[in-house]
Amino acid sequence: MSYQVKEISTKPFDGQKPGTSGLRKRVKVFQQEHYTENFIQAIFDSIKAEGATLVIGGDGRYFSPETVQTILKIGSANGVKKLIVGKDSILSTPAASNVIRKYKADGGILLTASHNPGGPNNDFGIKYNVSNGGPAPENVTNKIYEITKTIQRYKVIEANPVDLSVIGKASYGPTEVQIIDSVADYVELLQDIFDFQLIKDFLQNNAASFRILFDGLHGVTGPYARAILVDTLGLPEASIQNCVALPDFGGGHPDPNLTYAHSLVEVVEAKNIQFGAASDGDGDRNMIYGKGAFVTPSDSVAIIADWAHVIPYFKKGGVKGLARSMPTSKAIDLVAQKKGLEYFEVPTGWKFFGNLMDAGRLSICGEESFGTGSDHIREKDGIWAIMAWLNIIAAANKESPNELIGIKELLKKHYAVYGRSFFSRYDYEEVSSEGANKLVALLDGAITSSSLANKTYKSKSTNQDFTIASVTNFSYTDPIDGSVSKNQGQVVLFDDGSRVVFRLSGTGSAGATVRLYVERYVGPEAGEKVLAGDTAEGLKGLIEVALEISNLKEFLGRDEPTVIT
């Protein structure tokens, strides 16, 4: 049967430049006539679409079902052979990465704006992943962008919409469409990685003294958490909350941190729950939080790396190397040094980890922005990190049958061996782009002139002195492909090893976001009391100095950050 391919005339839209996490804009921008179609056609024009197999899914946010149908129209007209689609257009980002790899697809289109709010007045996003299951590298995203600047037409085949709610095979024009269970493949993957029986035995034997609460924040991970925690591990229904995925995430901000995941924090504290966890809109981020015990993402990935030997996946394949994004604290570096492992400091963006993984040089990595993962897929993975913690806790308790080991105890043991990196991040969201650029210009000027070198600042509240050793703009040469990434953030290093990092972030859809990262290391010899100290107190003097050096409050017009983590 032949199908009529129509060519629709269009014209370019400004600003369709995908970043590390794809193209993110307000829903109303994507709803403009031809806007979404232009970008999807640009994706197909930038790859070999003829005969390709692609995976389609996303976090279920508002405008997703319509966009899947748009992809079917344009994909079929461009000769795509097969589209594997998550039921109801749902696939968490980690699950999509797994499906691409498992079914040897040529790539995937993910409909997500990650942790950003959803709904008709909020954000939508389209992201292309390549055949390794990871985000498209810059040579692909640049090609997409160049096409969007000159596009004159897009191709469609008009046919009946595919029912995305029915698992099984269908077709759209000449293209085969396979609707798959969104959850099954991912659960199977995790069962191959972790010791589910060990975890289940521990949770059942300690049902009264070690309770769990997972908060899905009405994002995509709700169905995955239910399948794993309730259906597989046999935990009660009360172990999960906010696990119905909603197009607007229940009106909330699906970002698992102390500010936006307050629904988890409040219940954990009120009900004395030993292990709490949350994930974000598309399932690639996580937060670990127990009664009175918040785990920073920097500490989380370091502890997972330190305990990797108890996880079957790493028992079998070993740990090839460790890595972190540049702003993330150096806690994981200390683990790598002790274990004699290669380790890397890379720019923010999971694609940099992916290159190292594909080359067989990296197993476990993380970002301070609540992203943790391993080489089982090529995206960060929120549920994976939570299961890693449960596997580690179950193993630690098997080794210590007379003492219940929880989050606090694991942190205490870790600090006693490695010391502690006191770490915090201040986010100033949707600030003036002009003010943000002035802040960056000030720091860049200091780098060029060396005007801050050896300068000492005194904290007024703590009386601490901080002497600047260097100010640099982080750049990275990829050891695998030789590509160079410049201007990745201004780093102020002090002579005691403390550091402050300033970055302009590109993951929002409006205004600018400035992130301030503050790190101060204290060695194990400082003793338990100091190592267990309050983060805000431990960093108070350094934060004051960072604000003074950068004139941040003046440039951004903000006395307080939007979010502190």
Protein backbone atom coordinates (compact mmCIF):
# COMPACT_ATOMS: atom_id res chain seq x y z
CA MET A 1 0.00 0.00 0.00
CA SER A 2 1.33 3.46 -0.85
CA TYR A 3 0.87 6.42 1.44
CA GLN A 4 0.78 10.04 0.38
CA VAL A 5 3.63 12.10 1.81
CA LYS A 6 2.69 15.76 2.14
CA GLU A 7 5.21 18.56 2.32
CA ILE A 8 4.13 21.43 4.55
CA SER A 9 5.71 24.82 3.97
CA THR A 10 7.18 26.46 7.04
CA LYS A 11 9.77 29.01 8.12
CA PRO A 12 12.47 28.93 10.81
CA PHE A 13 11.88 29.90 14.43
CA ASP A 14 14.62 31.62 16.40
CA GLY A 15 16.18 29.88 19.37
CA GLN A 16 15.64 26.20 18.57
CA LYS A 17 19.11 25.35 19.89
CA PRO A 18 19.08 22.14 21.94
CA GLY A 19 21.30 22.09 25.00
CA THR A 20 22.71 19.12 26.90
CA SER A 21 19.16 18.22 27.88
CA GLY A 22 17.44 18.95 24.59
CA LEU A 23 15.18 21.84 23.63
CA ARG A 24 13.18 23.23 26.55
CA LYS A 25 10.62 25.99 26.27
CA ARG A 26 7.24 26.89 27.65
CA VAL A 27 4.38 24.71 26.41
CA LYS A 28 2.83 27.69 24.64
CA VAL A 29 5.99 28.06 22.56
CA PHE A 30 5.79 24.43 21.39
CA GLN A 31 2.09 24.90 20.65
CA GLN A 32 2.78 27.55 18.01
CA GLU A 33 1.85 26.41 14.52
CA HIS A 34 4.77 24.51 12.92
CA TYR A 35 7.11 25.02 15.92
CA THR A 36 7.20 21.43 17.19
CA GLU A 37 7.00 20.03 13.67
CA ASN A 38 10.04 22.08 12.59
CA PHE A 39 12.17 20.72 15.41
CA ILE A 40 11.12 17.11 14.89
CA GLN A 41 11.78 17.37 11.15
CA ALA A 42 15.21 18.84 11.96
CA ILE A 43 15.96 15.77 14.10
CA PHE A 44 15.03 13.43 11.23
CA ASP A 45 17.04 15.50 8.75
CA SER A 46 20.10 15.31 10.99
CA ILE A 47 20.10 11.52 11.30
CA LYS A 48 19.68 8.63 8.90
CA ALA A 49 15.90 8.33 9.28
CA GLU A 50 15.28 5.99 6.35
CA GLY A 51 14.94 2.44 7.75
CA ALA A 52 15.68 3.53 11.33
CA THR A 53 14.26 2.10 14.55
CA LEU A 54 13.59 4.75 17.19
CA VAL A 55 12.27 4.74 20.76
CA ILE A 56 9.64 7.30 21.80
CA GLY A 57 8.58 8.16 25.34
CA GLY A 58 8.81 10.73 28.07
CA ASP A 59 7.79 11.87 31.52
CA GLY A 60 4.10 12.18 30.68
CA ARG A 61 4.00 15.93 31.05
CA TYR A 62 1.35 18.12 29.44
CA PHE A 63 1.50 18.12 25.60
CA SER A 64 3.20 14.70 25.40
CA PRO A 65 0.44 12.55 23.78
CA GLU A 66 -0.12 15.09 20.99
CA THR A 67 3.60 15.30 20.33
CA VAL A 68 3.93 11.52 20.04
CA GLN A 69 1.29 11.59 17.29
CA THR A 70 3.21 14.40 15.59
CA ILE A 71 6.38 12.27 15.69
CA LEU A 72 4.43 9.36 14.12
CA LYS A 73 3.24 11.62 11.28
CA ILE A 74 6.66 13.05 10.51
CA GLY A 75 8.66 9.90 11.25
CA SER A 76 6.61 7.76 8.89
CA ALA A 77 6.91 10.39 6.15
CA ASN A 78 10.69 10.35 6.57
CA GLY A 79 10.95 6.59 6.15
CA VAL A 80 11.38 5.48 9.75
CA LYS A 81 10.94 1.70 9.76
CA LYS A 82 9.87 1.15 13.38
CA LEU A 83 8.87 3.24 16.39
CA ILE A 84 8.94 1.66 19.86
CA VAL A 85 6.65 3.74 22.07
CA GLY A 86 6.08 3.57 25.82
CA LYS A 87 2.45 2.89 26.77
CA ASP A 88 0.54 6.17 27.19
CA SER A 89 3.68 7.94 25.90
CA ILE A 90 5.42 7.13 29.21
CA LEU A 91 9.07 6.11 29.52
CA SER A 92 11.33 7.44 32.24
CA THR A 93 14.62 8.77 30.89
CA PRO A 94 16.59 5.83 32.38
CA ALA A 95 14.02 3.34 31.07
CA ALA A 96 14.22 4.90 27.59
CA SER A 97 18.02 4.62 27.63
CA ASN A 98 17.67 0.95 28.56
CA VAL A 99 15.08 0.27 25.82
CA ILE A 100 17.29 1.92 23.18
CA ARG A 101 20.20 -0.33 24.22
CA LYS A 102 18.18 -3.51 24.77
CA TYR A 103 16.37 -3.40 21.42
CA LYS A 104 19.43 -2.02 19.57
CA ALA A 105 17.50 0.99 18.34
CA ASP A 106 19.19 3.73 16.33
CA GLY A 107 18.16 6.36 18.85
CA GLY A 108 15.22 7.84 20.68
CA ILE A 109 13.14 10.98 21.08
CA LEU A 110 12.34 11.79 24.70
CA LEU A 111 9.58 14.23 25.60
CA THR A 112 10.75 15.71 28.87
CA ALA A 113 11.85 18.86 30.62
CA SER A 114 13.24 16.75 33.47
CA HIS A 115 12.71 18.37 36.90
CA ASN A 116 11.02 21.52 35.55
CA PRO A 117 7.31 22.08 36.35
CA GLY A 118 4.71 20.85 33.86
CA GLY A 119 1.25 21.94 32.76
CA PRO A 120 -0.16 24.31 30.13
CA ASN A 121 1.69 27.33 31.56
CA ASN A 122 4.95 25.58 32.31
CA ASP A 123 7.66 23.65 30.49
CA PHE A 124 7.93 21.07 27.74
CA GLY A 125 10.99 19.57 26.12
CA ILE A 126 12.20 17.39 23.26
CA LYS A 127 15.51 15.57 23.53
CA TYR A 128 17.28 13.25 21.11
CA ASN A 129 19.30 10.29 22.39
CA VAL A 130 21.71 8.32 20.23
CA SER A 131 22.20 4.57 19.79
CA ASN A 132 24.23 4.09 22.99
CA GLY A 133 21.17 5.30 24.92
CA GLY A 134 22.79 8.57 25.93
CA PRO A 135 22.10 12.24 25.13
CA ALA A 136 23.10 13.37 21.66
CA PRO A 137 26.64 14.79 21.53
CA GLU A 138 27.27 18.36 20.40
CA ASN A 139 28.04 17.41 16.80
CA VAL A 140 24.47 16.02 16.55
CA THR A 141 22.71 18.81 18.46
CA ASN A 142 24.63 21.44 16.46
CA LYS A 143 23.51 19.78 13.24
CA ILE A 144 19.88 19.83 14.43
CA TYR A 145 20.21 23.51 15.31
CA GLU A 146 21.72 24.46 11.94
CA ILE A 147 18.82 22.76 10.17
CA THR A 148 16.24 24.64 12.29
CA LYS A 149 17.75 27.94 11.09
CA THR A 150 17.07 27.23 7.41
CA ILE A 151 14.14 24.79 7.40
CA GLN A 152 11.54 25.48 4.70
CA ARG A 153 9.34 22.38 4.86
CA TYR A 154 8.47 19.33 6.90
CA LYS A 155 6.96 16.04 5.69
CA VAL A 156 3.90 14.26 7.09
CA ILE A 157 1.70 11.27 6.42
CA GLU A 158 -1.89 11.78 7.56
CA ALA A 159 -3.39 8.62 9.08
CA ASN A 160 -5.55 7.62 12.04
CA PRO A 161 -3.89 8.29 15.43
CA VAL A 162 -2.38 5.27 17.18
CA ASP A 163 -4.00 4.25 20.47
CA LEU A 164 -1.09 4.65 22.87
CA SER A 165 -2.96 2.91 25.70
CA VAL A 166 -2.92 -0.55 24.10
CA ILE A 167 0.24 -2.67 24.38
CA GLY A 168 1.05 -4.49 21.16
CA LYS A 169 1.84 -3.91 17.48
CA ALA A 170 0.18 -1.28 15.35
CA SER A 171 1.17 0.76 12.33
CA TYR A 172 1.19 4.35 11.19
CA GLY A 173 1.35 4.54 7.43
CA PRO A 174 4.27 2.32 6.39
CA THR A 175 5.88 2.49 9.83
CA GLU A 176 5.58 -0.34 12.35
CA VAL A 177 4.59 0.93 15.81
CA GLN A 178 5.20 -1.21 18.89
CA ILE A 179 3.57 -0.05 22.12
CA ILE A 180 5.49 -1.55 25.03
CA ASP A 181 4.98 -1.86 28.78
CA SER A 182 6.75 1.20 30.15
CA VAL A 183 7.99 -0.53 33.29
CA ALA A 184 8.72 -4.24 32.63
CA ASP A 185 12.08 -3.96 30.83
CA TYR A 186 13.45 -1.58 33.44
CA VAL A 187 12.44 -3.75 36.41
CA GLU A 188 14.10 -6.71 34.71
CA LEU A 189 17.28 -4.65 34.27
CA LEU A 190 17.45 -3.72 37.97
CA GLN A 191 16.84 -7.31 39.03
CA ASP A 192 19.98 -8.24 37.09
CA ILE A 193 21.98 -5.51 38.85
CA PHE A 194 20.97 -5.69 42.53
CA ASP A 195 20.51 -8.42 45.12
CA PHE A 196 16.72 -8.20 45.39
CA GLN A 197 16.51 -11.23 47.69
CA LEU A 198 18.99 -9.72 50.16
CA ILE A 199 17.07 -6.44 50.14
CA LYS A 200 13.71 -8.19 50.54
CA ASP A 201 14.94 -10.33 53.44
CA PHE A 202 16.35 -7.30 55.25
CA LEU A 203 13.19 -5.22 54.80
CA GLN A 204 10.90 -8.06 55.90
CA ASN A 205 13.04 -8.93 58.94
CA ASN A 206 13.17 -5.28 59.99
CA ALA A 207 9.69 -4.19 58.96
CA ALA A 208 9.01 -2.38 62.24
CA SER A 209 12.45 -0.80 62.79
CA PHE A 210 13.35 0.15 59.20
CA ARG A 211 10.51 1.70 57.26
CA ILE A 212 10.73 3.11 53.75
CA LEU A 213 8.92 5.96 52.02
CA PHE A 214 9.34 6.78 48.33
CA ASP A 215 7.85 10.01 46.96
CA GLY A 216 7.28 10.10 43.20
CA LEU A 217 6.36 13.82 43.25
CA HIS A 218 3.67 12.83 40.69
CA GLY A 219 6.43 12.33 38.12
CA VAL A 220 7.15 9.41 35.83
CA THR A 221 8.77 7.14 38.44
CA GLY A 222 5.56 6.40 40.36
CA PRO A 223 4.69 3.27 38.32
CA TYR A 224 8.31 2.08 38.47
CA ALA A 225 8.49 2.51 42.25
CA ARG A 226 5.22 0.65 42.72
CA ALA A 227 6.40 -2.25 40.55
CA ILE A 228 9.69 -2.55 42.46
CA LEU A 229 8.89 -1.61 46.06
CA VAL A 230 5.33 -2.90 46.39
CA ASP A 231 4.90 -5.61 43.74
CA THR A 232 8.42 -7.10 43.83
CA LEU A 233 9.81 -6.39 47.30
CA GLY A 234 6.43 -6.80 49.03
CA LEU A 235 6.40 -3.47 50.88
CA PRO A 236 3.05 -2.05 51.99
CA GLU A 237 1.18 0.55 49.96
CA ALA A 238 2.11 3.10 52.65
CA SER A 239 5.73 2.86 51.45
CA ILE A 240 4.98 5.03 48.41
CA GLN A 241 3.26 8.39 48.00
CA ASN A 242 2.48 10.77 45.12
CA CYS A 243 3.10 7.90 42.72
CA VAL A 244 0.39 8.64 40.16
CA ALA A 245 2.07 10.33 37.20
CA LEU A 246 0.22 13.54 36.32
CA PRO A 247 0.68 15.89 33.33
CA ASP A 248 1.22 18.86 35.65
CA PHE A 249 2.95 16.85 38.43
CA GLY A 250 0.08 17.73 40.74
CA GLY A 251 0.91 21.42 40.47
CA GLY A 252 4.26 20.82 42.16
CA HIS A 253 7.88 21.19 41.16
CA PRO A 254 9.16 17.63 40.56
CA ASP A 255 12.73 18.29 41.70
CA PRO A 256 14.02 16.01 44.50
CA ASN A 257 15.72 18.44 46.84
CA LEU A 258 15.04 19.79 50.31
CA THR A 259 13.00 22.70 48.96
CA TYR A 260 10.72 21.02 46.42
CA ALA A 261 10.49 17.53 47.95
CA HIS A 262 9.11 18.89 51.22
CA SER A 263 6.23 16.41 50.93
CA LEU A 264 8.79 13.65 51.58
CA VAL A 265 10.84 15.48 54.22
CA GLU A 266 7.79 16.39 56.30
CA VAL A 267 6.41 12.84 56.43
CA VAL A 268 9.83 11.26 57.10
CA GLU A 269 10.39 13.58 60.07
CA ALA A 270 6.83 13.38 61.40
CA LYS A 271 6.63 9.58 61.20
CA ASN A 272 10.25 8.78 62.12
CA ILE A 273 10.87 6.96 58.83
CA GLN A 274 14.37 5.52 58.54
CA PHE A 275 14.74 5.64 54.75
CA GLY A 276 13.11 8.20 52.50
CA ALA A 277 13.75 8.76 48.82
CA ALA A 278 12.36 10.81 45.95
CA SER A 279 12.86 11.12 42.21
CA ASP A 280 12.12 13.85 39.69
CA GLY A 281 9.80 14.40 36.74
CA ASP A 282 11.58 12.12 34.27
CA GLY A 283 13.22 9.75 36.75
CA ASP A 284 16.90 10.53 36.32
CA ARG A 285 17.44 12.32 39.66
CA ASN A 286 17.17 11.14 43.26
CA MET A 287 17.31 12.30 46.84
CA ILE A 288 18.13 10.10 49.85
CA TYR A 289 16.74 11.38 53.14
CA GLY A 290 16.16 9.58 56.43
CA LYS A 291 14.98 10.85 59.80
CA GLY A 292 17.41 13.69 60.58
CA ALA A 293 19.81 12.53 57.85
CA PHE A 294 20.09 14.21 54.46
CA VAL A 295 22.63 12.70 52.05
CA THR A 296 24.20 15.19 49.66
CA PRO A 297 24.44 13.85 46.11
CA SER A 298 28.24 14.22 46.35
CA ASP A 299 28.35 11.97 49.42
CA SER A 300 25.80 9.59 47.92
CA VAL A 301 27.87 8.70 44.85
CA ALA A 302 31.02 8.40 46.98
CA ILE A 303 29.34 5.94 49.36
CA ILE A 304 27.90 3.89 46.46
CA ALA A 305 31.40 3.73 44.96
CA ASP A 306 32.91 2.71 48.30
CA TRP A 307 30.36 -0.11 48.76
CA ALA A 308 30.18 -1.21 45.11
CA HIS A 309 31.64 -4.61 46.02
CA VAL A 310 28.32 -5.66 47.64
CA ILE A 311 26.29 -5.01 44.46
CA PRO A 312 26.15 -8.09 42.16
CA TYR A 313 26.63 -6.06 38.97
CA PHE A 314 30.00 -4.76 40.20
CA LYS A 315 30.95 -8.04 41.87
CA LYS A 316 30.72 -9.58 38.43
CA GLY A 317 32.20 -6.86 36.24
CA GLY A 318 34.36 -4.91 38.67
CA VAL A 319 34.65 -1.13 38.91
CA LYS A 320 36.50 0.35 35.95
CA GLY A 321 36.70 3.96 37.10
CA LEU A 322 34.88 6.77 38.90
CA ALA A 323 33.87 10.28 37.85
CA ARG A 324 32.03 13.41 38.92
CA SER A 325 30.96 16.66 37.33
CA MET A 326 33.27 19.57 38.09
CA PRO A 327 30.97 21.37 40.60
CA THR A 328 30.39 18.14 42.57
CA SER A 329 32.43 17.77 45.76
CA LYS A 330 35.66 15.78 45.65
CA ALA A 331 34.35 13.06 47.99
CA ILE A 332 34.38 10.42 45.23
CA ASP A 333 37.99 11.35 44.33
CA LEU A 334 39.07 10.23 47.81
CA VAL A 335 37.37 6.84 47.31
CA ALA A 336 39.09 6.40 43.95
CA GLN A 337 42.48 7.27 45.45
CA LYS A 338 42.05 4.78 48.31
CA LYS A 339 40.94 1.99 45.97
CA GLY A 340 43.51 2.73 43.28
CA LEU A 341 40.90 3.55 40.63
CA GLU A 342 41.11 5.97 37.71
CA TYR A 343 38.87 9.01 38.22
CA PHE A 344 37.71 11.95 36.14
CA GLU A 345 36.39 15.50 36.60
CA VAL A 346 34.11 16.40 33.68
CA PRO A 347 31.81 19.29 32.69
CA THR A 348 28.17 19.18 33.71
CA GLY A 349 26.27 16.98 31.26
CA TRP A 350 25.82 13.21 31.27
CA LYS A 351 27.15 12.82 27.72
CA PHE A 352 30.69 13.36 29.07
CA PHE A 353 30.30 10.32 31.32
CA GLY A 354 28.89 8.34 28.40
CA ASN A 355 32.07 8.73 26.36
CA LEU A 356 34.14 7.32 29.23
CA MET A 357 31.68 4.46 29.75
CA ASP A 358 31.67 3.50 26.07
CA ALA A 359 35.47 3.38 26.23
CA GLY A 360 35.35 1.00 29.21
CA ARG A 361 36.96 3.47 31.62
CA LEU A 362 34.04 4.41 33.88
CA SER A 363 31.58 2.49 36.05
CA ILE A 364 30.08 4.86 38.67
CA CYS A 365 29.56 8.61 38.46
CA GLY A 366 27.48 11.46 39.75
CA GLU A 367 26.52 15.11 39.67
CA GLU A 368 25.76 17.37 42.62
CA SER A 369 22.42 18.13 40.97
CA PHE A 370 20.99 14.89 42.39
CA GLY A 371 22.09 12.77 39.43
CA THR A 372 23.77 9.41 40.09
CA GLY A 373 24.37 6.47 37.81
CA SER A 374 26.56 3.78 36.32
CA ASP A 375 27.44 2.16 33.02
CA HIS A 376 24.30 -0.04 33.02
CA ILE A 377 22.72 2.67 30.82
CA ARG A 378 23.87 6.05 29.48
CA GLU A 379 21.69 8.35 31.58
CA LYS A 380 21.66 9.14 35.25
CA ASP A 381 19.15 6.96 37.06
CA GLY A 382 17.15 7.93 40.15
CA ILE A 383 15.62 4.53 40.95
CA TRP A 384 19.00 2.84 40.37
CA ALA A 385 20.61 5.07 43.02
CA ILE A 386 17.82 4.36 45.51
CA MET A 387 18.14 0.62 44.95
CA ALA A 388 21.92 0.88 45.31
CA TRP A 389 21.42 2.43 48.74
CA LEU A 390 18.97 -0.30 49.77
CA ASN A 391 21.39 -2.99 48.55
CA ILE A 392 24.24 -1.38 50.52
CA ILE A 393 22.15 -1.00 53.69
CA ALA A 394 20.98 -4.62 53.45
CA ALA A 395 24.59 -5.81 53.02
CA ALA A 396 25.88 -3.59 55.84
CA ASN A 397 23.28 -5.02 58.19
CA LYS A 398 24.18 -8.57 57.21
CA GLU A 399 27.75 -7.75 58.25
CA SER A 400 26.54 -6.15 61.49
CA PRO A 401 23.65 -8.27 62.83
CA ASN A 402 23.68 -6.70 66.31
CA GLU A 403 23.45 -3.04 65.22
CA LEU A 404 20.87 -1.59 62.84
CA ILE A 405 22.78 0.29 60.16
CA GLY A 406 20.86 3.09 58.50
CA ILE A 407 21.65 6.28 56.62
CA LYS A 408 23.18 8.10 59.59
CA GLU A 409 25.42 5.18 60.48
CA LEU A 410 26.68 4.82 56.89
CA LEU A 411 27.50 8.53 56.73
CA LYS A 412 29.32 8.36 60.08
CA LYS A 413 31.39 5.36 58.96
CA HIS A 414 32.27 7.06 55.68
CA TYR A 415 33.40 10.31 57.30
CA ALA A 416 35.51 8.41 59.82
CA VAL A 417 37.52 6.91 56.96
CA TYR A 418 37.51 9.60 54.28
CA GLY A 419 36.70 12.85 56.08
CA ARG A 420 33.88 15.08 54.95
CA SER A 421 33.41 17.60 52.17
CA PHE A 422 30.95 20.15 53.54
CA PHE A 423 29.05 21.11 50.42
CA SER A 424 26.14 23.31 49.45
CA ARG A 425 24.61 24.77 46.31
CA TYR A 426 22.75 28.07 46.05
CA ASP A 427 20.40 28.44 43.06
CA TYR A 428 19.28 31.88 41.94
CA GLU A 429 16.52 31.10 39.43
CA GLU A 430 15.01 33.30 36.71
CA VAL A 431 17.28 36.25 37.44
CA SER A 432 18.14 39.07 35.05
CA SER A 433 20.34 37.77 32.22
CA GLU A 434 22.09 41.14 32.18
CA GLY A 435 22.99 40.90 35.86
CA ALA A 436 24.12 37.28 35.50
CA ASN A 437 26.39 38.19 32.59
CA LYS A 438 27.90 41.06 34.59
CA LEU A 439 28.75 38.63 37.40
CA VAL A 440 30.44 36.29 34.93
CA ALA A 441 32.30 39.20 33.33
CA LEU A 442 33.65 40.29 36.72
CA LEU A 443 35.06 36.84 37.41
CA ASP A 444 36.42 36.46 33.88
CA GLY A 445 38.14 39.83 34.30
CA ALA A 446 39.75 38.59 37.52
CA ILE A 447 41.00 35.51 35.67
CA THR A 448 42.54 37.61 32.89
CA SER A 449 44.16 40.16 35.22
CA SER A 450 44.97 37.82 38.16
CA SER A 451 43.58 40.61 40.34
CA LEU A 452 42.26 38.21 43.00
CA ALA A 453 45.37 36.03 43.28
CA ASN A 454 46.72 35.76 46.85
CA LYS A 455 44.04 38.12 48.12
CA THR A 456 42.73 37.37 51.61
CA TYR A 457 39.09 37.82 52.66
CA LYS A 458 37.81 37.68 56.23
CA SER A 459 34.37 36.40 57.14
CA LYS A 460 32.66 38.92 59.38
CA SER A 461 30.54 36.35 61.22
CA THR A 462 33.13 33.58 61.76
CA ASN A 463 36.37 35.62 61.65
CA GLN A 464 37.87 33.01 59.31
CA ASP A 465 40.46 34.08 56.75
CA PHE A 466 40.27 32.72 53.20
CA THR A 467 43.20 33.38 50.86
CA ILE A 468 42.60 32.90 47.14
CA ALA A 469 45.08 30.55 45.48
CA SER A 470 43.67 30.79 41.95
CA VAL A 471 40.68 31.78 39.82
CA THR A 472 40.13 29.73 36.66
CA ASN A 473 37.50 29.00 34.04
CA PHE A 474 37.12 25.22 33.87
CA SER A 475 37.79 23.61 30.51
CA TYR A 476 37.87 19.92 29.64
CA THR A 477 39.61 17.95 26.96
CA ASP A 478 37.79 14.65 26.46
CA PRO A 479 40.36 11.85 26.79
CA ILE A 480 38.36 9.67 24.39
CA ASP A 481 37.58 11.89 21.40
CA GLY A 482 39.84 14.89 22.08
CA SER A 483 36.94 17.38 22.01
CA VAL A 484 37.41 20.51 24.10
CA SER A 485 34.67 22.06 26.26
CA LYS A 486 35.48 25.59 27.44
CA ASN A 487 33.80 28.11 29.76
CA GLN A 488 32.29 25.45 32.02
CA GLY A 489 32.30 27.56 35.19
CA GLN A 490 34.47 29.96 37.16
CA VAL A 491 36.36 28.23 39.98
CA VAL A 492 37.78 30.15 42.95
CA LEU A 493 40.27 27.93 44.79
CA PHE A 494 41.53 28.87 48.26
CA ASP A 495 44.86 27.91 49.78
CA ASP A 496 43.21 25.57 52.33
CA GLY A 497 41.66 23.51 49.51
CA SER A 498 38.21 25.07 49.83
CA ARG A 499 36.62 26.15 46.59
CA VAL A 500 33.71 28.11 45.20
CA VAL A 501 32.25 27.55 41.73
CA PHE A 502 29.96 29.89 39.77
CA ARG A 503 27.94 28.61 36.82
CA LEU A 504 25.29 29.96 34.50
CA SER A 505 22.83 27.12 33.97
CA GLY A 506 20.98 26.39 30.76
CA THR A 507 18.27 24.00 32.02
CA GLY A 508 15.53 26.57 32.66
CA SER A 509 13.15 27.98 30.07
CA ALA A 510 12.93 31.60 31.26
CA GLY A 511 15.51 34.13 32.46
CA ALA A 512 18.92 33.03 33.72
CA THR A 513 19.85 30.71 36.56
CA VAL A 514 23.07 31.30 38.48
CA ARG A 515 24.39 28.46 40.62
CA LEU A 516 26.91 28.95 43.41
CA TYR A 517 28.68 25.82 44.69
CA VAL A 518 30.63 25.91 47.95
CA GLU A 519 32.94 23.15 49.23
CA ARG A 520 35.13 22.89 52.32
CA TYR A 521 36.96 19.67 53.19
CA VAL A 522 37.57 18.50 56.78
CA GLY A 523 39.79 15.44 57.34
CA PRO A 524 38.87 12.40 59.49
CA GLU A 525 41.30 13.53 62.19
CA ALA A 526 38.88 16.38 63.05
CA GLY A 527 36.79 13.88 65.00
CA GLU A 528 33.20 12.71 65.02
CA LYS A 529 31.66 15.87 66.49
CA VAL A 530 33.15 18.20 63.87
CA LEU A 531 32.46 15.78 61.01
CA ALA A 532 28.81 15.50 62.05
CA GLY A 533 28.38 19.28 62.21
CA ASP A 534 25.67 21.29 60.51
CA THR A 535 26.44 22.04 56.87
CA ALA A 536 25.27 25.65 56.99
CA GLU A 537 27.46 26.36 60.00
CA GLY A 538 30.45 24.61 58.46
CA LEU A 539 30.19 26.71 55.30
CA LYS A 540 28.93 30.02 56.73
CA GLY A 541 32.22 31.92 56.50
CA LEU A 542 33.09 30.62 53.04
CA ILE A 543 29.65 31.51 51.65
CA GLU A 544 29.97 35.08 52.98
CA VAL A 545 33.32 35.43 51.24
CA ALA A 546 31.95 33.97 47.99
CA LEU A 547 29.12 36.52 47.94
CA GLU A 548 31.58 39.34 48.64
CA ILE A 549 34.05 38.31 45.92
CA SER A 550 31.34 38.07 43.25
CA ASN A 551 29.11 41.03 44.19
CA LEU A 552 26.36 38.49 43.58
CA LYS A 553 23.59 40.19 45.54
CA GLU A 554 24.20 43.48 43.74
CA PHE A 555 24.34 41.97 40.24
CA LEU A 556 21.35 39.63 40.64
CA GLY A 557 19.20 41.85 42.86
CA ARG A 558 18.55 38.93 45.22
CA ASP A 559 19.26 38.78 48.94
CA GLU A 560 18.47 35.06 49.16
CA PRO A 561 18.73 32.13 46.75
CA THR A 562 15.62 30.46 45.35
CA VAL A 563 16.83 27.03 46.45
CA ILE A 564 19.55 25.86 48.85
CA THR A 565 20.75 22.25 48.67
